[in-house]
Protein backbone atom coordinates (compact mmCIF):
# COMPACT_ATOMS: atom_id res chain seq x y z
CA MET A 1 5.31 31.73 3.18
CA MET A 2 5.58 34.16 -0.51
CA ASN A 3 3.34 33.65 -2.77
CA VAL A 4 4.92 29.95 -5.20
CA LYS A 5 3.83 32.09 -8.48
CA GLU A 6 6.26 35.21 -7.08
CA MET A 7 9.00 33.04 -6.76
CA ARG A 8 12.20 32.69 -9.23
CA THR A 9 12.84 30.07 -10.67
CA GLU A 10 16.08 28.87 -7.74
CA THR A 11 14.52 30.09 -5.10
CA LEU A 12 11.23 27.42 -6.28
CA ARG A 13 14.18 24.74 -7.12
CA LYS A 14 15.79 25.09 -4.26
CA LEU A 15 12.53 24.85 -1.80
CA VAL A 16 10.98 21.68 -3.81
CA ASP A 17 15.22 20.21 -2.99
CA GLU A 18 14.69 20.87 0.25
CA THR A 19 11.13 19.10 0.72
CA GLU A 20 11.96 16.01 -1.23
CA ALA A 21 15.26 16.11 1.65
CA THR A 22 12.79 16.39 4.57
CA LEU A 23 10.03 13.40 2.88
CA GLU A 24 13.09 11.25 2.18
CA GLU A 25 14.16 11.76 6.02
CA LEU A 26 10.54 11.64 7.14
CA SER A 27 9.95 8.34 5.20
CA ALA A 28 12.94 6.93 6.79
CA GLU A 29 12.42 7.55 10.31
CA LEU A 30 8.75 6.47 9.68
CA GLU A 31 10.05 3.16 8.31
CA ARG A 32 12.51 2.95 11.32
CA ARG A 33 9.88 3.39 13.85
CA GLU A 34 7.61 0.51 11.62
CA GLU A 35 10.64 -1.34 12.44
CA ALA A 36 11.37 -1.04 15.52
CA GLU A 37 7.31 -1.82 16.26
CA GLN A 38 7.30 -4.97 14.03
CA HIS A 39 10.61 -6.12 16.18
CA GLN A 40 9.10 -5.40 19.83
CA GLU A 41 5.70 -7.16 18.85
CA ILE A 42 8.08 -10.47 17.76
CA ASP A 43 9.90 -10.42 21.32
CA ARG A 44 6.44 -10.39 22.94
CA LEU A 45 5.38 -13.04 20.41
CA ASP A 46 5.43 -15.62 23.84
CA GLU A 47 3.01 -13.20 25.59
CA HIS A 48 0.49 -13.48 22.73
CA PHE A 49 0.79 -16.82 22.20
CA ARG A 50 0.36 -17.37 26.15
CA ASN A 51 -2.87 -15.13 25.98
CA ALA A 52 -4.05 -16.58 23.31
CA GLU A 53 -3.57 -20.02 24.73
CA LEU A 54 -5.34 -18.70 27.90
CA SER A 55 -8.47 -17.59 25.67
CA LEU A 56 -8.37 -20.98 23.90
CA THR A 57 -8.66 -22.91 27.12
CA ALA A 58 -11.42 -20.43 28.69
CA ILE A 59 -13.57 -20.97 25.44
CA ARG A 60 -12.98 -24.58 25.93
CA ASP A 61 -13.99 -24.82 29.77
CA PHE A 62 -17.38 -22.66 28.55
CA ILE A 63 -18.22 -25.27 26.29
CA ALA A 64 -17.51 -28.27 28.13
CA GLN A 65 -19.70 -26.56 30.71
CA ALA A 66 -22.32 -25.77 28.66
CA LEU A 67 -22.81 -29.00 27.14
CA SER A 68 -22.59 -30.32 30.57
CA ASP A 69 -25.27 -28.05 31.06
CA LEU A 70 -27.12 -28.64 28.37
CA ARG A 71 -27.20 -33.03 28.83
CA GLY A 72 -27.88 -32.38 32.72
CA ARG A 73 -31.14 -31.12 31.38
CA GLY A 74 -32.78 -33.30 28.87
């Protein structure tokens, strides 16, 4: 890349315009990907809820067993 200080004003302006256009394209693509990821996670909500339910069941069973063990010692 040329030294910016040596560029003609016209060339520098064109480079800025091209850079801004590229940045807009990149921002739009990033937004599209983030939205797609959010939609994928929303589509997987049932799976997330099932996993949470299984985890809570395991915790409840563990606590019940621990309480039972503690009561048996007393």
